[in-house]
Amino acid sequence: MAVVYTLLVLFLAVFVAGFILLVMGAINFDFSNSEIPPEVNQPVKLRIIHIILISTAVVGKILENIGICSQLSFVRYVQGRKTLGVDPKLFIKDLWFETVPVRIYQPKVPSASKRRGVMFFHGGGWVFGSLETHEKLCRSIAREGESVVVSVGYRLAPEHKYPAAYEDCLNATIHFMKNTEHYGVDPANVIVCGDSAGGNLAAAVSQTLAGRSDLPKLRAQILIYPGLQALDFNLPSYQQNRGVPLLFRERAAFYVLQYLNGDASHLEEVLEGSHIPIDIKLNYRKWVSPDNIPEKFKVRGYKPHVLLDCTTEVYETVKRFCEPNLCPLLAEDAIVQQLPESFILTCEYDVLRDDGLLYKKRLEDNGVRVTWYHLEDGFHGVINSFNSDWLSFSSGKRGLDNIV
């Protein structure tokens, strides 16, 4: 008991120290390196959430420096605290689909017919996020959408590098599709869904299953501000929203490098675009190009970026960025043509906005029906803040209503 008490006191002391550091330096850092446009939905709330995230990172760094735990594990712990109890409208159960942990949400109200099934892949840059961080969102989709939702607890980077997360999501989806009768789900009405990195995983899984003849076809894919490419971090949305929380341009590149190989040593080359040879970039320019972004999205301070070449050494470390399972925007037309009906949500103040816009165009050019919903006052991560008590965002609720 004494040990527990000592650790508790130490934790509180460290937390207070973290906030002192925050007040002295981190807030200044935040205000000088971030930008919250006044048009963003409820900008003061967004500032508060950003400061909370910074303070968590500061405390985590202190704990790491004094040898208690790593910053990464502390941030994951804080984000993943289980706070929700029983839901009167849902059966909720934790299971394993072979080696992959999942959480299943089933409406309690009897259904006259088989239900829709939703495979949900959480966001968090492949580094953060868990079954807990997206619990409210999954419960809401299950309740309001009257669907069976399967949330997938895939392995995280940098401990588990690409393609671990993709393989977990793919294997969990295949397992579910082969066993839909156990959950009262119509095998012809299964949807893949994900936000941010989860949207990337949903797109990759959807592409992989498009050519499978041994499984029912997916009914749809729902991509919520997905990250779909790592060739160009100088698209208009990356320039315009580079310092808008909750996802900075630099962090977006950092996360995809963590997922790729756990090594961010070539972060600067990735940001400036000198990580992929010019001939390869030109080959993909038909799909990844500012020219494919509608002009109205370029008026807010976009400047064309000069193409830069790269060294063989750098390219060797990141060449898997050209694999569609990692960057689904690069899939061949023959695959894209087979994709199911799609819903894409984008936010104006999000570095990943243009990834969604480019994929929307690719799908439409290949005859895939697309429903697109754009939050003019939205920012990255807003959907997961739809029901956060006094830190809720009306734009997040609008987005979720459209998803449902």
Protein backbone atom coordinates (compact mmCIF):
# COMPACT_ATOMS: atom_id res chain seq x y z
CA MET A 1 0.00 0.00 0.00
CA ALA A 2 2.87 2.33 0.83
CA VAL A 3 4.36 1.74 -2.61
CA VAL A 4 1.08 2.62 -4.30
CA TYR A 5 0.78 5.78 -2.20
CA THR A 6 4.35 6.80 -3.02
CA LEU A 7 3.77 6.29 -6.74
CA LEU A 8 0.55 8.29 -6.57
CA VAL A 9 2.30 11.20 -4.84
CA LEU A 10 5.13 11.02 -7.36
CA PHE A 11 2.68 11.01 -10.24
CA LEU A 12 0.86 14.07 -8.88
CA ALA A 13 4.14 15.88 -8.37
CA VAL A 14 5.22 15.12 -11.90
CA PHE A 15 1.86 16.19 -13.26
CA VAL A 16 2.09 19.53 -11.44
CA ALA A 17 5.65 19.97 -12.71
CA GLY A 18 4.43 19.24 -16.20
CA PHE A 19 1.81 21.95 -16.01
CA ILE A 20 4.38 24.42 -14.68
CA LEU A 21 6.55 23.64 -17.67
CA LEU A 22 3.49 23.93 -19.86
CA VAL A 23 2.69 27.40 -18.57
CA MET A 24 6.32 28.51 -18.83
CA GLY A 25 7.13 27.18 -22.25
CA ALA A 26 4.80 24.78 -23.96
CA ILE A 27 1.92 27.20 -24.30
CA ASN A 28 4.24 29.73 -25.89
CA PHE A 29 5.43 26.98 -28.20
CA ASP A 30 1.84 26.09 -28.98
CA PHE A 31 0.79 29.62 -29.87
CA SER A 32 3.87 30.27 -31.99
CA ASN A 33 3.71 27.00 -33.91
CA SER A 34 -0.03 26.46 -34.27
CA GLU A 35 -2.74 28.35 -36.04
CA ILE A 36 -6.45 28.09 -35.37
CA PRO A 37 -8.39 29.91 -38.09
CA PRO A 38 -11.40 31.82 -36.76
CA GLU A 39 -13.61 29.93 -39.21
CA VAL A 40 -12.92 26.65 -37.41
CA ASN A 41 -15.88 25.32 -35.45
CA GLN A 42 -15.59 26.60 -31.84
CA PRO A 43 -11.90 27.66 -31.98
CA VAL A 44 -11.54 28.22 -28.21
CA LYS A 45 -12.53 24.61 -27.50
CA LEU A 46 -10.04 23.40 -30.09
CA ARG A 47 -7.31 25.45 -28.41
CA ILE A 48 -8.16 23.90 -25.03
CA ILE A 49 -8.04 20.35 -26.44
CA HIS A 50 -4.71 21.09 -28.08
CA ILE A 51 -3.26 22.40 -24.81
CA ILE A 52 -4.50 19.27 -23.00
CA LEU A 53 -2.73 17.11 -25.58
CA ILE A 54 0.48 19.14 -25.20
CA SER A 55 0.34 18.89 -21.40
CA THR A 56 -0.10 15.11 -21.64
CA ALA A 57 2.96 14.90 -23.88
CA VAL A 58 4.97 17.12 -21.52
CA VAL A 59 4.14 14.98 -18.49
CA GLY A 60 4.92 11.85 -20.50
CA LYS A 61 8.33 13.25 -21.42
CA ILE A 62 9.09 14.01 -17.77
CA LEU A 63 8.11 10.47 -16.76
CA GLU A 64 10.33 9.11 -19.53
CA ASN A 65 13.28 11.25 -18.44
CA ILE A 66 13.07 10.06 -14.82
CA GLY A 67 12.75 6.45 -15.93
CA ILE A 68 9.16 5.63 -14.94
CA CYS A 69 7.72 4.89 -18.38
CA SER A 70 8.05 5.97 -21.99
CA GLN A 71 6.24 9.04 -23.26
CA LEU A 72 4.50 6.87 -25.84
CA SER A 73 3.10 4.44 -23.29
CA PHE A 74 1.96 7.28 -21.00
CA VAL A 75 0.08 9.09 -23.77
CA ARG A 76 -1.53 5.82 -24.82
CA TYR A 77 -2.53 5.14 -21.23
CA VAL A 78 -4.12 8.57 -20.75
CA GLN A 79 -5.97 8.40 -24.07
CA GLY A 80 -7.18 4.86 -23.52
CA ARG A 81 -8.67 5.08 -20.04
CA LYS A 82 -11.93 3.14 -19.91
CA THR A 83 -14.66 5.49 -18.67
CA LEU A 84 -17.92 4.14 -20.11
CA GLY A 85 -20.16 1.64 -18.37
CA VAL A 86 -22.97 -0.59 -19.58
CA ASP A 87 -25.01 0.68 -22.53
CA PRO A 88 -28.75 0.00 -22.08
CA LYS A 89 -29.28 -0.29 -25.83
CA LEU A 90 -26.30 -2.45 -26.80
CA PHE A 91 -24.72 -5.81 -26.13
CA ILE A 92 -20.95 -5.17 -25.99
CA LYS A 93 -18.42 -7.97 -25.94
CA ASP A 94 -14.66 -8.27 -26.32
CA LEU A 95 -13.55 -11.19 -28.50
CA TRP A 96 -10.63 -12.39 -30.57
CA PHE A 97 -10.89 -12.97 -34.30
CA GLU A 98 -8.02 -15.47 -34.37
CA THR A 99 -5.07 -13.32 -33.18
CA VAL A 100 -6.81 -9.92 -33.47
CA PRO A 101 -8.70 -8.38 -30.51
CA VAL A 102 -12.10 -6.93 -31.40
CA ARG A 103 -15.02 -5.33 -29.59
CA ILE A 104 -18.50 -6.09 -30.92
CA TYR A 105 -21.50 -3.79 -30.46
CA GLN A 106 -24.92 -5.34 -31.14
CA PRO A 107 -28.27 -3.51 -30.76
CA LYS A 108 -30.51 -5.14 -28.14
CA VAL A 109 -33.73 -4.33 -29.99
CA PRO A 110 -34.79 -7.35 -32.09
CA SER A 111 -34.56 -6.94 -35.86
CA ALA A 112 -37.02 -8.41 -38.35
CA SER A 113 -34.21 -8.94 -40.83
CA LYS A 114 -30.46 -9.45 -40.77
CA ARG A 115 -28.56 -6.34 -39.76
CA ARG A 116 -25.88 -4.29 -41.44
CA GLY A 117 -22.32 -5.05 -40.31
CA VAL A 118 -19.68 -2.33 -39.88
CA MET A 119 -15.99 -3.14 -39.53
CA PHE A 120 -14.48 -0.12 -37.78
CA PHE A 121 -10.76 0.75 -37.80
CA HIS A 122 -9.78 3.52 -35.38
CA GLY A 123 -7.54 6.47 -36.12
CA GLY A 124 -4.44 7.65 -34.27
CA GLY A 125 -1.69 7.77 -36.87
CA TRP A 126 -1.12 4.00 -36.61
CA VAL A 127 0.74 4.90 -33.37
CA PHE A 128 -2.10 5.83 -31.01
CA GLY A 129 -5.75 4.90 -30.69
CA SER A 130 -7.44 1.81 -29.28
CA LEU A 131 -10.79 0.14 -28.72
CA GLU A 132 -11.28 2.60 -25.82
CA THR A 133 -10.46 5.84 -27.67
CA HIS A 134 -13.25 5.22 -30.19
CA GLU A 135 -15.74 3.59 -27.84
CA LYS A 136 -18.27 6.47 -27.89
CA LEU A 137 -18.12 6.70 -31.66
CA CYS A 138 -18.65 2.97 -32.20
CA ARG A 139 -21.51 2.89 -29.70
CA SER A 140 -23.19 5.77 -31.51
CA ILE A 141 -22.82 4.15 -34.94
CA ALA A 142 -24.26 0.88 -33.60
CA ARG A 143 -27.20 2.59 -31.88
CA GLU A 144 -28.09 5.26 -34.44
CA GLY A 145 -27.26 3.12 -37.46
CA GLU A 146 -28.94 0.03 -35.99
CA SER A 147 -25.90 -1.95 -37.04
CA VAL A 148 -23.54 -4.55 -35.65
CA VAL A 149 -20.21 -2.75 -35.27
CA VAL A 150 -16.90 -4.60 -34.95
CA SER A 151 -14.09 -2.35 -33.67
CA VAL A 152 -10.65 -3.77 -34.45
CA GLY A 153 -7.75 -3.45 -31.99
CA TYR A 154 -4.99 -3.74 -34.55
CA ARG A 155 -1.29 -3.71 -33.66
CA LEU A 156 0.34 -0.28 -33.39
CA ALA A 157 3.57 1.22 -34.69
CA PRO A 158 6.44 1.64 -34.13
CA GLU A 159 6.48 -1.67 -32.24
CA HIS A 160 4.61 -3.31 -35.11
CA LYS A 161 5.54 -1.87 -38.48
CA TYR A 162 3.74 -1.97 -41.80
CA PRO A 163 1.97 -4.15 -42.85
CA ALA A 164 0.96 -5.32 -39.33
CA ALA A 165 -2.00 -2.94 -38.89
CA TYR A 166 -3.24 -3.59 -42.43
CA GLU A 167 -2.96 -7.36 -42.01
CA ASP A 168 -4.85 -7.29 -38.70
CA CYS A 169 -7.70 -5.26 -40.22
CA LEU A 170 -7.83 -7.45 -43.31
CA ASN A 171 -7.80 -10.71 -41.35
CA ALA A 172 -10.45 -9.48 -38.91
CA THR A 173 -12.68 -8.42 -41.81
CA ILE A 174 -12.31 -11.75 -43.61
CA HIS A 175 -13.05 -13.64 -40.37
CA PHE A 176 -16.20 -11.58 -39.83
CA MET A 177 -17.39 -11.97 -43.41
CA LYS A 178 -17.04 -15.75 -43.11
CA ASN A 179 -19.01 -15.79 -39.84
CA THR A 180 -21.71 -13.15 -40.29
CA GLU A 181 -24.47 -15.62 -39.40
CA HIS A 182 -23.19 -15.79 -35.82
CA TYR A 183 -23.96 -12.08 -35.40
CA GLY A 184 -27.21 -11.81 -37.31
CA VAL A 185 -25.56 -9.83 -40.11
CA ASP A 186 -26.43 -9.87 -43.80
CA PRO A 187 -23.26 -11.06 -45.59
CA ALA A 188 -24.14 -8.78 -48.53
CA ASN A 189 -24.36 -5.73 -46.28
CA VAL A 190 -20.92 -5.42 -44.66
CA ILE A 191 -19.20 -2.02 -44.61
CA VAL A 192 -15.60 -1.06 -43.79
CA CYS A 193 -15.20 2.25 -41.97
CA GLY A 194 -12.37 4.19 -40.39
CA ASP A 195 -11.14 7.66 -39.45
CA SER A 196 -7.73 9.11 -40.35
CA ALA A 197 -5.23 6.20 -40.24
CA GLY A 198 -8.29 3.97 -39.88
CA GLY A 199 -9.62 5.45 -43.13
CA ASN A 200 -6.33 4.48 -44.75
CA LEU A 201 -6.76 0.92 -43.46
CA ALA A 202 -10.40 0.76 -44.58
CA ALA A 203 -9.42 1.86 -48.10
CA ALA A 204 -6.59 -0.68 -48.26
CA VAL A 205 -8.81 -3.53 -47.02
CA SER A 206 -11.54 -2.55 -49.47
CA GLN A 207 -9.08 -2.65 -52.37
CA THR A 208 -7.71 -6.04 -51.33
CA LEU A 209 -11.17 -7.58 -51.05
CA ALA A 210 -12.37 -6.05 -54.33
CA GLY A 211 -10.89 -8.90 -56.33
CA ARG A 212 -11.85 -11.75 -53.99
CA SER A 213 -14.36 -14.18 -55.53
CA ASP A 214 -14.56 -16.42 -52.45
CA LEU A 215 -16.21 -13.75 -50.28
CA PRO A 216 -19.32 -11.57 -50.61
CA LYS A 217 -18.66 -8.11 -52.02
CA LEU A 218 -18.36 -5.30 -49.50
CA ARG A 219 -21.47 -3.13 -49.50
CA ALA A 220 -19.59 0.15 -49.00
CA GLN A 221 -16.56 1.92 -47.59
CA ILE A 222 -16.76 4.92 -45.24
CA LEU A 223 -13.57 6.99 -45.18
CA ILE A 224 -13.46 9.72 -42.55
CA TYR A 225 -10.69 12.27 -43.33
CA PRO A 226 -8.43 9.44 -44.54
CA GLY A 227 -4.67 9.64 -45.13
CA LEU A 228 -4.15 7.94 -48.49
CA GLN A 229 -0.71 8.88 -49.82
CA ALA A 230 2.82 9.76 -48.71
CA LEU A 231 4.29 11.05 -51.95
CA ASP A 232 3.38 14.73 -51.61
CA PHE A 233 3.20 16.63 -48.32
CA ASN A 234 2.98 19.95 -50.17
CA LEU A 235 -0.52 19.65 -51.56
CA PRO A 236 -2.70 22.74 -50.95
CA SER A 237 -4.25 21.38 -47.74
CA TYR A 238 -0.82 20.53 -46.32
CA GLN A 239 0.37 24.08 -46.95
CA GLN A 240 -2.80 25.82 -45.78
CA ASN A 241 -3.34 23.77 -42.61
CA ARG A 242 0.24 22.95 -41.68
CA GLY A 243 -0.18 24.35 -38.15
CA VAL A 244 -3.87 23.64 -37.49
CA PRO A 245 -4.54 21.21 -34.62
CA LEU A 246 -5.14 18.39 -34.12
CA LEU A 247 -2.81 17.19 -36.89
CA PHE A 248 0.19 19.25 -37.97
CA ARG A 249 1.84 18.64 -41.35
CA GLU A 250 5.06 17.51 -39.71
CA ARG A 251 3.24 15.05 -37.44
CA ALA A 252 1.37 13.55 -40.38
CA ALA A 253 4.68 12.74 -42.07
CA PHE A 254 6.18 11.53 -38.79
CA TYR A 255 3.30 9.10 -38.17
CA VAL A 256 3.44 7.50 -41.60
CA LEU A 257 7.21 7.03 -41.19
CA GLN A 258 6.59 5.38 -37.82
CA TYR A 259 4.12 3.04 -39.47
CA LEU A 260 6.44 2.33 -42.40
CA ASN A 261 9.63 1.44 -40.53
CA GLY A 262 9.70 3.15 -37.11
CA ASP A 263 12.41 5.51 -38.35
CA ALA A 264 11.85 9.26 -38.73
CA SER A 265 15.43 10.12 -39.68
CA HIS A 266 14.34 11.12 -43.20
CA LEU A 267 11.46 13.30 -42.04
CA GLU A 268 12.86 16.46 -43.65
CA GLU A 269 13.27 14.77 -47.04
CA VAL A 270 9.70 13.49 -46.87
CA LEU A 271 8.36 16.94 -46.00
CA GLU A 272 10.24 18.70 -48.79
CA GLY A 273 9.45 15.95 -51.31
CA SER A 274 12.98 14.69 -51.91
CA HIS A 275 12.21 11.11 -50.86
CA ILE A 276 10.78 9.80 -54.15
CA PRO A 277 12.59 9.96 -57.54
CA ILE A 278 11.15 12.49 -59.98
CA ASP A 279 10.35 9.86 -62.61
CA ILE A 280 8.23 7.90 -60.13
CA LYS A 281 6.48 11.06 -58.91
CA LEU A 282 5.70 12.00 -62.51
CA ASN A 283 4.30 8.51 -63.09
CA TYR A 284 1.84 9.01 -60.22
CA ARG A 285 1.14 12.66 -61.01
CA LYS A 286 -2.01 11.64 -62.90
CA TRP A 287 -3.44 10.72 -59.46
CA VAL A 288 -1.42 12.74 -56.92
CA SER A 289 -1.32 16.30 -58.14
CA PRO A 290 -2.61 19.75 -57.14
CA ASP A 291 -4.02 19.89 -60.69
CA ASN A 292 -6.70 17.43 -59.57
CA ILE A 293 -7.80 19.64 -56.67
CA PRO A 294 -10.71 22.00 -57.45
CA GLU A 295 -9.54 25.61 -57.71
CA LYS A 296 -11.75 26.81 -54.84
CA PHE A 297 -9.56 24.81 -52.44
CA LYS A 298 -6.38 26.59 -53.58
CA VAL A 299 -7.34 30.21 -52.89
CA ARG A 300 -6.23 30.15 -49.25
CA GLY A 301 -2.48 30.73 -49.66
CA TYR A 302 -1.34 27.84 -51.86
CA LYS A 303 1.98 28.08 -53.73
CA PRO A 304 3.03 25.43 -56.30
CA HIS A 305 5.90 23.27 -55.09
CA VAL A 306 9.02 22.59 -57.15
CA LEU A 307 9.67 18.90 -57.86
CA LEU A 308 12.84 17.69 -56.12
CA ASP A 309 14.81 14.54 -56.86
CA CYS A 310 16.14 12.19 -54.20
CA THR A 311 19.11 10.01 -53.41
CA THR A 312 19.02 6.25 -53.84
CA GLU A 313 19.78 5.85 -50.13
CA VAL A 314 16.69 7.79 -49.04
CA TYR A 315 14.41 6.13 -51.58
CA GLU A 316 15.50 2.66 -50.47
CA THR A 317 14.20 3.37 -46.97
CA VAL A 318 10.78 4.66 -48.09
CA LYS A 319 10.10 2.95 -51.42
CA ARG A 320 7.19 0.99 -49.92
CA PHE A 321 5.30 4.31 -49.93
CA CYS A 322 4.49 3.28 -53.50
CA GLU A 323 2.57 0.18 -52.34
CA PRO A 324 -1.24 0.64 -52.47
CA ASN A 325 -1.69 -1.32 -49.23
CA LEU A 326 0.17 1.55 -47.55
CA CYS A 327 -0.94 4.37 -49.87
CA PRO A 328 -4.31 3.37 -51.40
CA LEU A 329 -4.44 6.43 -53.67
CA LEU A 330 -1.81 4.71 -55.82
CA ALA A 331 -3.89 1.63 -56.68
CA GLU A 332 -4.32 0.81 -60.37
CA ASP A 333 -7.55 1.70 -62.15
CA ALA A 334 -8.45 -1.98 -62.55
CA ILE A 335 -8.69 -2.24 -58.75
CA VAL A 336 -10.40 1.11 -58.18
CA GLN A 337 -13.12 0.21 -60.72
CA GLN A 338 -14.16 -2.75 -58.55
CA LEU A 339 -14.57 -0.77 -55.34
CA PRO A 340 -17.95 -0.53 -53.60
CA GLU A 341 -20.08 2.55 -53.13
CA SER A 342 -18.12 5.04 -51.05
CA PHE A 343 -18.70 7.78 -48.50
CA ILE A 344 -15.85 10.26 -47.96
CA LEU A 345 -15.83 12.93 -45.27
CA THR A 346 -13.32 15.78 -45.44
CA CYS A 347 -12.67 18.85 -43.29
CA GLU A 348 -11.59 22.22 -44.64
CA TYR A 349 -9.00 22.80 -41.89
CA ASP A 350 -7.25 19.45 -42.15
CA VAL A 351 -3.91 18.60 -43.76
CA LEU A 352 -5.50 15.37 -45.06
CA ARG A 353 -8.34 17.18 -46.85
CA ASP A 354 -6.76 16.83 -50.29
CA ASP A 355 -6.09 13.10 -49.89
CA GLY A 356 -9.85 12.69 -49.61
CA LEU A 357 -10.53 15.03 -52.54
CA LEU A 358 -8.03 13.21 -54.77
CA TYR A 359 -9.51 9.81 -53.92
CA LYS A 360 -13.02 11.12 -54.53
CA LYS A 361 -11.95 12.11 -58.04
CA ARG A 362 -10.27 8.76 -58.68
CA LEU A 363 -13.35 6.84 -57.60
CA GLU A 364 -15.71 9.00 -59.68
CA ASP A 365 -13.42 8.81 -62.73
CA ASN A 366 -13.63 5.02 -62.47
CA GLY A 367 -17.40 4.88 -62.20
CA VAL A 368 -17.69 4.33 -58.44
CA ARG A 369 -20.61 6.07 -56.77
CA VAL A 370 -19.36 8.53 -54.13
CA THR A 371 -21.21 10.45 -51.43
CA TRP A 372 -19.00 13.30 -50.27
CA TYR A 373 -19.60 15.39 -47.17
CA HIS A 374 -17.34 18.36 -46.47
CA LEU A 375 -17.25 20.13 -43.11
CA GLU A 376 -16.46 23.74 -44.00
CA ASP A 377 -15.72 24.50 -40.34
CA GLY A 378 -14.21 21.11 -39.49
CA PHE A 379 -10.72 20.12 -38.36
CA HIS A 380 -8.88 16.82 -38.18
CA GLY A 381 -10.28 14.59 -35.43
CA VAL A 382 -13.56 16.50 -35.02
CA ILE A 383 -15.77 13.40 -35.46
CA ASN A 384 -14.31 11.75 -32.38
CA SER A 385 -15.18 14.87 -30.37
CA PHE A 386 -18.89 14.77 -31.22
CA ASN A 387 -19.86 13.82 -27.66
CA SER A 388 -17.12 14.99 -25.29
CA ASP A 389 -19.33 16.78 -22.77
CA TRP A 390 -18.33 20.45 -22.58
CA LEU A 391 -15.66 19.92 -25.25
CA SER A 392 -18.15 18.69 -27.85
CA PHE A 393 -18.25 20.21 -31.35
CA SER A 394 -21.41 20.81 -33.35
CA SER A 395 -19.55 20.12 -36.60
CA GLY A 396 -18.55 16.70 -35.24
CA LYS A 397 -22.20 15.87 -34.58
CA ARG A 398 -23.15 17.00 -38.11
CA GLY A 399 -20.45 14.81 -39.57
CA LEU A 400 -21.49 11.80 -37.51
CA ASP A 401 -25.15 12.26 -38.48
CA ASN A 402 -24.15 12.11 -42.14
CA ILE A 403 -22.02 9.02 -41.58
CA VAL A 404 -24.94 7.25 -39.89
